[in-house]
């Protein structure tokens, strides 16, 4: 019986240690263009969005969005003018049965279920590389 309990405790501890967020990276090399985009298919809970530019100082308009599995309207996860680097920790309001936001409740993380996430940059100087790291937690 002690052996069984020990095995169960070790397995639970290993499960907690192994359940870590993943970091998915997208790059937009601009070359001679001032805008560009990259996409990736993801699943999980979005914890954070990190964006940076290769020279650490340039400015560009950034949008990170996903295309829902149904419908055609993209959902913005993070969007703003970025100088050098920026971090977002996007959350969303829970909705009632009519689809209205329940602003009295705590916001929750975005759930992405195999949708395509797009990282788009515009209005940037040429010859730079923009990077976006999406921190996804499967738990």
N, C-alpha and C. Protein backbone atom coordinates (compact mmCIF):
# COMPACT_ATOMS: atom_id res chain seq x y z
N UNK A 1 0.82 -1.19 0.00
CA UNK A 1 0.00 0.00 0.00
C UNK A 1 0.87 1.27 0.00
N UNK A 2 1.95 1.25 0.81
CA UNK A 2 2.85 2.40 0.82
C UNK A 2 3.49 2.61 -0.54
N UNK A 3 3.84 1.52 -1.17
CA UNK A 3 4.46 1.61 -2.50
C UNK A 3 3.49 2.25 -3.49
N UNK A 4 2.22 1.87 -3.44
CA UNK A 4 1.20 2.44 -4.34
C UNK A 4 1.03 3.94 -4.08
N UNK A 5 0.99 4.33 -2.81
CA UNK A 5 0.85 5.75 -2.48
C UNK A 5 2.07 6.52 -2.96
N UNK A 6 3.26 5.97 -2.76
CA UNK A 6 4.49 6.63 -3.21
C UNK A 6 4.48 6.80 -4.72
N UNK A 7 4.09 5.77 -5.44
CA UNK A 7 4.02 5.85 -6.91
C UNK A 7 3.04 6.93 -7.35
N UNK A 8 1.88 6.99 -6.69
CA UNK A 8 0.87 8.00 -7.05
C UNK A 8 1.38 9.41 -6.79
N UNK A 9 2.06 9.62 -5.66
CA UNK A 9 2.59 10.94 -5.33
C UNK A 9 3.65 11.35 -6.35
N UNK A 10 4.53 10.43 -6.72
CA UNK A 10 5.57 10.73 -7.71
C UNK A 10 4.95 11.06 -9.06
N UNK A 11 3.94 10.32 -9.47
CA UNK A 11 3.28 10.59 -10.76
C UNK A 11 2.58 11.95 -10.75
N UNK A 12 1.93 12.30 -9.64
CA UNK A 12 1.28 13.60 -9.56
C UNK A 12 2.31 14.72 -9.61
N UNK A 13 3.41 14.57 -8.90
CA UNK A 13 4.46 15.59 -8.92
C UNK A 13 5.06 15.73 -10.31
N UNK A 14 5.26 14.62 -11.00
CA UNK A 14 5.81 14.67 -12.36
C UNK A 14 4.83 15.37 -13.30
N UNK A 15 3.55 15.15 -13.12
CA UNK A 15 2.55 15.81 -13.95
C UNK A 15 2.55 17.32 -13.76
N UNK A 16 2.73 17.77 -12.53
CA UNK A 16 2.78 19.19 -12.26
C UNK A 16 4.03 19.82 -12.87
N UNK A 17 5.15 19.13 -12.78
CA UNK A 17 6.40 19.64 -13.33
C UNK A 17 6.35 19.70 -14.85
N UNK A 18 5.72 18.70 -15.47
CA UNK A 18 5.69 18.62 -16.94
C UNK A 18 4.69 19.58 -17.57
N UNK A 19 3.69 20.01 -16.83
CA UNK A 19 2.65 20.87 -17.38
C UNK A 19 3.12 22.32 -17.36
N UNK A 20 3.90 22.68 -18.37
CA UNK A 20 4.45 24.04 -18.48
C UNK A 20 3.90 24.71 -19.73
N UNK A 21 3.87 26.02 -19.70
CA UNK A 21 3.48 26.74 -20.91
C UNK A 21 4.52 26.54 -22.03
N UNK A 22 4.07 26.61 -23.25
CA UNK A 22 4.94 26.54 -24.43
C UNK A 22 5.08 27.93 -25.01
N UNK A 23 6.22 28.19 -25.61
CA UNK A 23 6.45 29.47 -26.30
C UNK A 23 6.54 29.20 -27.79
N UNK A 24 5.62 29.76 -28.54
CA UNK A 24 5.61 29.64 -30.00
C UNK A 24 6.08 30.97 -30.58
N UNK A 25 7.02 30.90 -31.52
CA UNK A 25 7.60 32.13 -32.07
C UNK A 25 7.25 32.32 -33.54
N UNK A 26 6.90 33.55 -33.89
CA UNK A 26 6.67 33.95 -35.27
C UNK A 26 7.66 35.05 -35.62
N UNK A 27 8.16 35.04 -36.86
CA UNK A 27 9.07 36.08 -37.33
C UNK A 27 8.55 36.71 -38.61
N UNK A 28 8.74 38.02 -38.71
CA UNK A 28 8.39 38.75 -39.93
C UNK A 28 9.64 39.49 -40.38
N UNK A 29 10.41 38.91 -41.32
CA UNK A 29 11.56 39.63 -41.88
C UNK A 29 11.06 40.58 -42.97
N UNK A 30 11.35 41.87 -42.83
CA UNK A 30 10.78 42.86 -43.74
C UNK A 30 11.56 43.06 -45.03
N UNK A 31 12.86 42.88 -45.03
CA UNK A 31 13.61 43.10 -46.26
C UNK A 31 13.39 44.50 -46.79
N UNK A 32 12.89 44.62 -48.04
CA UNK A 32 12.64 45.94 -48.63
C UNK A 32 11.21 46.42 -48.40
N UNK A 33 10.42 45.66 -47.67
CA UNK A 33 9.02 46.04 -47.38
C UNK A 33 8.92 46.75 -46.04
N UNK A 34 7.84 47.50 -45.87
CA UNK A 34 7.58 48.14 -44.58
C UNK A 34 6.50 47.40 -43.79
N UNK A 35 5.99 46.31 -44.36
CA UNK A 35 4.96 45.53 -43.66
C UNK A 35 5.10 44.06 -44.05
N UNK A 36 4.51 43.21 -43.22
CA UNK A 36 4.52 41.78 -43.48
C UNK A 36 3.74 41.05 -42.40
N UNK A 37 3.57 39.73 -42.58
CA UNK A 37 2.83 38.96 -41.59
C UNK A 37 3.31 37.51 -41.60
N UNK A 38 2.97 36.82 -40.53
CA UNK A 38 3.27 35.40 -40.39
C UNK A 38 2.11 34.76 -39.63
N UNK A 39 1.87 33.46 -39.88
CA UNK A 39 0.76 32.77 -39.23
C UNK A 39 1.22 31.45 -38.62
N UNK A 40 0.42 30.98 -37.66
CA UNK A 40 0.68 29.69 -37.01
C UNK A 40 -0.64 29.15 -36.47
N UNK A 41 -0.82 27.86 -36.51
CA UNK A 41 -2.00 27.22 -35.91
C UNK A 41 -1.69 26.86 -34.46
N UNK A 42 -2.57 27.24 -33.54
CA UNK A 42 -2.32 27.01 -32.11
C UNK A 42 -3.55 26.46 -31.41
N UNK A 43 -3.28 25.80 -30.28
CA UNK A 43 -4.34 25.37 -29.37
C UNK A 43 -3.86 25.58 -27.94
N UNK A 44 -4.75 26.04 -27.08
CA UNK A 44 -4.44 26.23 -25.67
C UNK A 44 -4.93 27.57 -25.18
N UNK A 45 -4.49 27.92 -23.98
CA UNK A 45 -4.84 29.20 -23.36
C UNK A 45 -3.71 30.19 -23.60
N UNK A 46 -4.04 31.37 -24.09
CA UNK A 46 -3.02 32.38 -24.35
C UNK A 46 -2.72 33.14 -23.06
N UNK A 47 -1.47 33.04 -22.60
CA UNK A 47 -1.05 33.73 -21.37
C UNK A 47 -0.38 35.07 -21.65
N UNK A 48 0.43 35.16 -22.71
CA UNK A 48 1.16 36.40 -22.97
C UNK A 48 1.57 36.49 -24.43
N UNK A 49 1.77 37.73 -24.88
CA UNK A 49 2.26 38.02 -26.23
C UNK A 49 3.44 38.97 -26.07
N UNK A 50 4.60 38.56 -26.56
CA UNK A 50 5.81 39.38 -26.53
C UNK A 50 6.17 39.74 -27.97
N UNK A 51 6.45 41.02 -28.22
CA UNK A 51 6.83 41.48 -29.56
C UNK A 51 8.10 42.30 -29.43
N UNK A 52 9.03 42.09 -30.37
CA UNK A 52 10.25 42.91 -30.39
C UNK A 52 10.73 43.06 -31.83
N UNK A 53 11.58 44.07 -32.03
CA UNK A 53 12.16 44.33 -33.34
C UNK A 53 13.67 44.18 -33.22
N UNK A 54 14.31 43.75 -34.30
CA UNK A 54 15.73 43.39 -34.27
C UNK A 54 16.67 44.52 -33.85
N UNK A 55 16.35 45.78 -34.17
CA UNK A 55 17.25 46.87 -33.77
C UNK A 55 16.92 47.41 -32.38
N UNK A 56 15.84 46.92 -31.77
CA UNK A 56 15.49 47.31 -30.41
C UNK A 56 14.98 48.72 -30.24
N UNK A 57 14.76 49.46 -31.33
CA UNK A 57 14.36 50.86 -31.20
C UNK A 57 13.31 51.32 -32.20
N UNK A 58 13.12 50.61 -33.29
CA UNK A 58 12.21 51.09 -34.34
C UNK A 58 10.75 50.96 -33.92
N UNK A 59 9.91 51.70 -34.65
CA UNK A 59 8.48 51.72 -34.38
C UNK A 59 7.73 51.04 -35.52
N UNK A 60 6.68 50.31 -35.17
CA UNK A 60 5.80 49.69 -36.15
C UNK A 60 4.43 49.44 -35.53
N UNK A 61 3.43 49.36 -36.37
CA UNK A 61 2.09 49.01 -35.91
C UNK A 61 1.97 47.49 -35.94
N UNK A 62 1.59 46.91 -34.80
CA UNK A 62 1.54 45.47 -34.66
C UNK A 62 0.10 45.04 -34.37
N UNK A 63 -0.30 43.92 -34.96
CA UNK A 63 -1.60 43.32 -34.66
C UNK A 63 -1.42 41.82 -34.57
N UNK A 64 -1.89 41.24 -33.49
CA UNK A 64 -1.91 39.79 -33.31
C UNK A 64 -3.38 39.42 -33.19
N UNK A 65 -3.84 38.56 -34.10
CA UNK A 65 -5.26 38.21 -34.13
C UNK A 65 -5.41 36.75 -34.52
N UNK A 66 -6.62 36.23 -34.33
CA UNK A 66 -6.89 34.86 -34.79
C UNK A 66 -8.19 34.81 -35.56
N UNK A 67 -8.27 33.84 -36.47
CA UNK A 67 -9.48 33.62 -37.25
C UNK A 67 -10.28 32.52 -36.56
N UNK A 68 -11.48 32.83 -36.06
CA UNK A 68 -12.29 31.82 -35.38
C UNK A 68 -12.62 30.64 -36.29
N UNK A 69 -12.91 29.51 -35.67
CA UNK A 69 -13.24 28.31 -36.45
C UNK A 69 -14.50 28.50 -37.28
N UNK A 70 -15.44 29.33 -36.80
CA UNK A 70 -16.64 29.65 -37.57
C UNK A 70 -16.76 31.16 -37.67
N UNK A 71 -17.36 31.63 -38.72
CA UNK A 71 -17.48 33.07 -38.94
C UNK A 71 -16.26 33.60 -39.66
N UNK A 72 -16.30 34.88 -39.98
CA UNK A 72 -15.20 35.46 -40.76
C UNK A 72 -14.58 36.68 -40.11
N UNK A 73 -15.03 37.04 -38.91
CA UNK A 73 -14.49 38.23 -38.25
C UNK A 73 -13.31 37.85 -37.36
N UNK A 74 -12.14 38.42 -37.66
CA UNK A 74 -10.94 38.14 -36.87
C UNK A 74 -11.08 38.73 -35.48
N UNK A 75 -10.47 38.07 -34.49
CA UNK A 75 -10.49 38.53 -33.11
C UNK A 75 -9.10 39.07 -32.77
N UNK A 76 -9.01 40.35 -32.38
CA UNK A 76 -7.73 40.94 -32.00
C UNK A 76 -7.34 40.47 -30.60
N UNK A 77 -6.12 39.96 -30.50
CA UNK A 77 -5.56 39.55 -29.21
C UNK A 77 -4.67 40.64 -28.65
N UNK A 78 -3.95 41.33 -29.52
CA UNK A 78 -3.04 42.40 -29.12
C UNK A 78 -2.82 43.31 -30.32
N UNK A 79 -2.95 44.60 -30.12
CA UNK A 79 -2.73 45.54 -31.22
C UNK A 79 -2.32 46.90 -30.65
N UNK A 80 -1.30 47.49 -31.26
CA UNK A 80 -0.84 48.80 -30.81
C UNK A 80 0.40 49.19 -31.61
N UNK A 81 0.81 50.42 -31.45
CA UNK A 81 2.09 50.86 -31.98
C UNK A 81 3.17 50.39 -31.02
N UNK A 82 4.22 49.78 -31.55
CA UNK A 82 5.29 49.23 -30.71
C UNK A 82 6.59 49.95 -31.04
N UNK A 83 7.29 50.38 -29.99
CA UNK A 83 8.62 50.98 -30.12
C UNK A 83 9.59 50.03 -29.44
N UNK A 84 10.38 49.31 -30.23
CA UNK A 84 11.38 48.39 -29.68
C UNK A 84 10.81 47.06 -29.23
N UNK A 85 9.98 47.07 -28.19
CA UNK A 85 9.37 45.84 -27.69
C UNK A 85 8.14 46.17 -26.86
N UNK A 86 7.29 45.16 -26.70
CA UNK A 86 6.06 45.33 -25.93
C UNK A 86 5.57 43.97 -25.47
N UNK A 87 4.86 43.96 -24.33
CA UNK A 87 4.27 42.74 -23.78
C UNK A 87 2.79 42.97 -23.53
N UNK A 88 1.96 42.00 -23.92
CA UNK A 88 0.54 42.01 -23.62
C UNK A 88 0.21 40.75 -22.84
N UNK A 89 -0.75 40.84 -21.95
CA UNK A 89 -1.32 39.68 -21.26
C UNK A 89 -2.83 39.76 -21.46
N UNK A 90 -3.27 39.36 -22.66
CA UNK A 90 -4.68 39.57 -23.03
C UNK A 90 -5.65 38.69 -22.25
N UNK A 91 -6.77 39.28 -21.90
CA UNK A 91 -7.86 38.59 -21.22
C UNK A 91 -9.17 38.99 -21.91
N UNK A 92 -10.22 38.23 -21.63
CA UNK A 92 -11.52 38.50 -22.25
C UNK A 92 -12.62 38.31 -21.20
N UNK A 93 -13.69 39.10 -21.33
CA UNK A 93 -14.83 38.95 -20.43
C UNK A 93 -15.61 37.69 -20.78
N UNK A 94 -16.10 37.03 -19.75
CA UNK A 94 -17.03 35.92 -19.94
C UNK A 94 -18.33 36.53 -20.43
N UNK A 95 -19.11 35.77 -21.20
CA UNK A 95 -20.39 36.29 -21.70
C UNK A 95 -21.57 35.53 -21.11
N UNK A 96 -22.72 36.20 -21.12
CA UNK A 96 -23.94 35.51 -20.71
C UNK A 96 -24.51 34.75 -21.90
N UNK A 97 -25.67 34.13 -21.73
CA UNK A 97 -26.25 33.31 -22.80
C UNK A 97 -26.63 34.13 -24.02
N UNK A 98 -26.80 35.44 -23.85
CA UNK A 98 -27.13 36.31 -24.99
C UNK A 98 -25.88 36.85 -25.68
N UNK A 99 -24.69 36.53 -25.13
CA UNK A 99 -23.45 36.98 -25.74
C UNK A 99 -22.94 38.32 -25.22
N UNK A 100 -23.61 38.88 -24.23
CA UNK A 100 -23.18 40.17 -23.65
C UNK A 100 -22.06 39.92 -22.64
N UNK A 101 -21.06 40.80 -22.63
CA UNK A 101 -19.94 40.68 -21.71
C UNK A 101 -20.37 40.85 -20.27
N UNK A 102 -19.91 39.94 -19.40
CA UNK A 102 -20.19 40.03 -17.97
C UNK A 102 -19.01 40.75 -17.32
N UNK A 103 -19.09 42.07 -17.33
CA UNK A 103 -17.97 42.87 -16.83
C UNK A 103 -17.82 42.79 -15.32
N UNK A 104 -18.82 42.26 -14.62
CA UNK A 104 -18.72 42.13 -13.17
C UNK A 104 -17.87 40.93 -12.77
N UNK A 105 -17.66 39.99 -13.68
CA UNK A 105 -16.83 38.81 -13.41
C UNK A 105 -15.38 39.11 -13.77
N UNK A 106 -14.48 38.32 -13.20
CA UNK A 106 -13.07 38.42 -13.56
C UNK A 106 -12.87 37.98 -15.01
N UNK A 107 -12.07 38.68 -15.79
CA UNK A 107 -11.77 38.24 -17.16
C UNK A 107 -11.02 36.90 -17.13
N UNK A 108 -11.08 36.18 -18.24
CA UNK A 108 -10.40 34.89 -18.36
C UNK A 108 -9.44 34.95 -19.55
N UNK A 109 -8.55 33.96 -19.62
CA UNK A 109 -7.60 33.88 -20.74
C UNK A 109 -8.34 33.50 -22.02
N UNK A 110 -7.80 33.94 -23.15
CA UNK A 110 -8.35 33.52 -24.44
C UNK A 110 -8.09 32.03 -24.64
N UNK A 111 -9.09 31.33 -25.14
CA UNK A 111 -8.94 29.92 -25.48
C UNK A 111 -8.82 29.83 -26.99
N UNK A 112 -7.75 29.21 -27.46
CA UNK A 112 -7.52 29.04 -28.89
C UNK A 112 -7.58 27.55 -29.18
N UNK A 113 -8.47 27.16 -30.08
CA UNK A 113 -8.73 25.73 -30.32
C UNK A 113 -8.37 25.35 -31.75
N UNK A 114 -7.09 25.45 -32.09
CA UNK A 114 -6.66 25.07 -33.42
C UNK A 114 -6.83 26.17 -34.45
N UNK A 115 -7.14 27.37 -34.00
CA UNK A 115 -7.30 28.48 -34.94
C UNK A 115 -5.95 28.97 -35.45
N UNK A 116 -6.01 29.71 -36.54
CA UNK A 116 -4.82 30.31 -37.11
C UNK A 116 -4.60 31.69 -36.50
N UNK A 117 -3.42 31.88 -35.90
CA UNK A 117 -3.05 33.16 -35.30
C UNK A 117 -2.15 33.89 -36.29
N UNK A 118 -2.43 35.18 -36.52
CA UNK A 118 -1.66 36.00 -37.45
C UNK A 118 -0.94 37.11 -36.69
N UNK A 119 0.35 37.25 -36.98
CA UNK A 119 1.17 38.34 -36.45
C UNK A 119 1.46 39.26 -37.63
N UNK A 120 0.95 40.50 -37.59
CA UNK A 120 1.12 41.43 -38.71
C UNK A 120 1.82 42.70 -38.23
N UNK A 121 2.73 43.19 -39.05
CA UNK A 121 3.47 44.42 -38.76
C UNK A 121 3.31 45.35 -39.96
N UNK A 122 3.11 46.65 -39.69
CA UNK A 122 3.04 47.63 -40.77
C UNK A 122 3.68 48.93 -40.29
N UNK A 123 4.03 49.78 -41.25
CA UNK A 123 4.59 51.09 -40.93
C UNK A 123 5.96 51.03 -40.27
N UNK A 124 6.71 50.00 -40.57
CA UNK A 124 8.04 49.83 -39.98
C UNK A 124 9.12 50.23 -40.97
N UNK A 125 10.29 50.62 -40.48
CA UNK A 125 11.42 50.80 -41.40
C UNK A 125 11.77 49.45 -42.05
N UNK A 126 12.39 49.49 -43.21
CA UNK A 126 12.76 48.28 -43.93
C UNK A 126 14.00 47.63 -43.32
N UNK A 127 14.26 46.39 -43.73
CA UNK A 127 15.47 45.68 -43.34
C UNK A 127 15.49 45.17 -41.91
N UNK A 128 14.36 45.12 -41.25
CA UNK A 128 14.30 44.67 -39.86
C UNK A 128 13.61 43.31 -39.75
N UNK A 129 13.78 42.67 -38.62
CA UNK A 129 13.07 41.42 -38.32
C UNK A 129 12.24 41.65 -37.07
N UNK A 130 10.94 41.46 -37.20
CA UNK A 130 10.03 41.55 -36.07
C UNK A 130 9.76 40.14 -35.56
N UNK A 131 9.75 39.98 -34.24
CA UNK A 131 9.49 38.67 -33.63
C UNK A 131 8.31 38.78 -32.68
N UNK A 132 7.53 37.70 -32.64
CA UNK A 132 6.39 37.61 -31.74
C UNK A 132 6.47 36.26 -31.04
N UNK A 133 6.46 36.26 -29.72
CA UNK A 133 6.43 35.02 -28.95
C UNK A 133 5.08 34.94 -28.27
N UNK A 134 4.37 33.83 -28.53
CA UNK A 134 3.06 33.59 -27.93
C UNK A 134 3.24 32.51 -26.85
N UNK A 135 2.90 32.84 -25.62
CA UNK A 135 3.01 31.88 -24.53
C UNK A 135 1.66 31.20 -24.40
N UNK A 136 1.65 29.90 -24.68
CA UNK A 136 0.42 29.10 -24.70
C UNK A 136 0.50 28.06 -23.59
N UNK A 137 -0.53 27.98 -22.79
CA UNK A 137 -0.61 26.97 -21.73
C UNK A 137 -1.72 26.00 -22.10
N UNK A 138 -1.43 24.73 -22.06
CA UNK A 138 -2.43 23.73 -22.42
C UNK A 138 -3.34 23.36 -21.25
N UNK A 139 -3.02 23.85 -20.06
CA UNK A 139 -3.86 23.56 -18.88
C UNK A 139 -4.81 24.68 -18.59
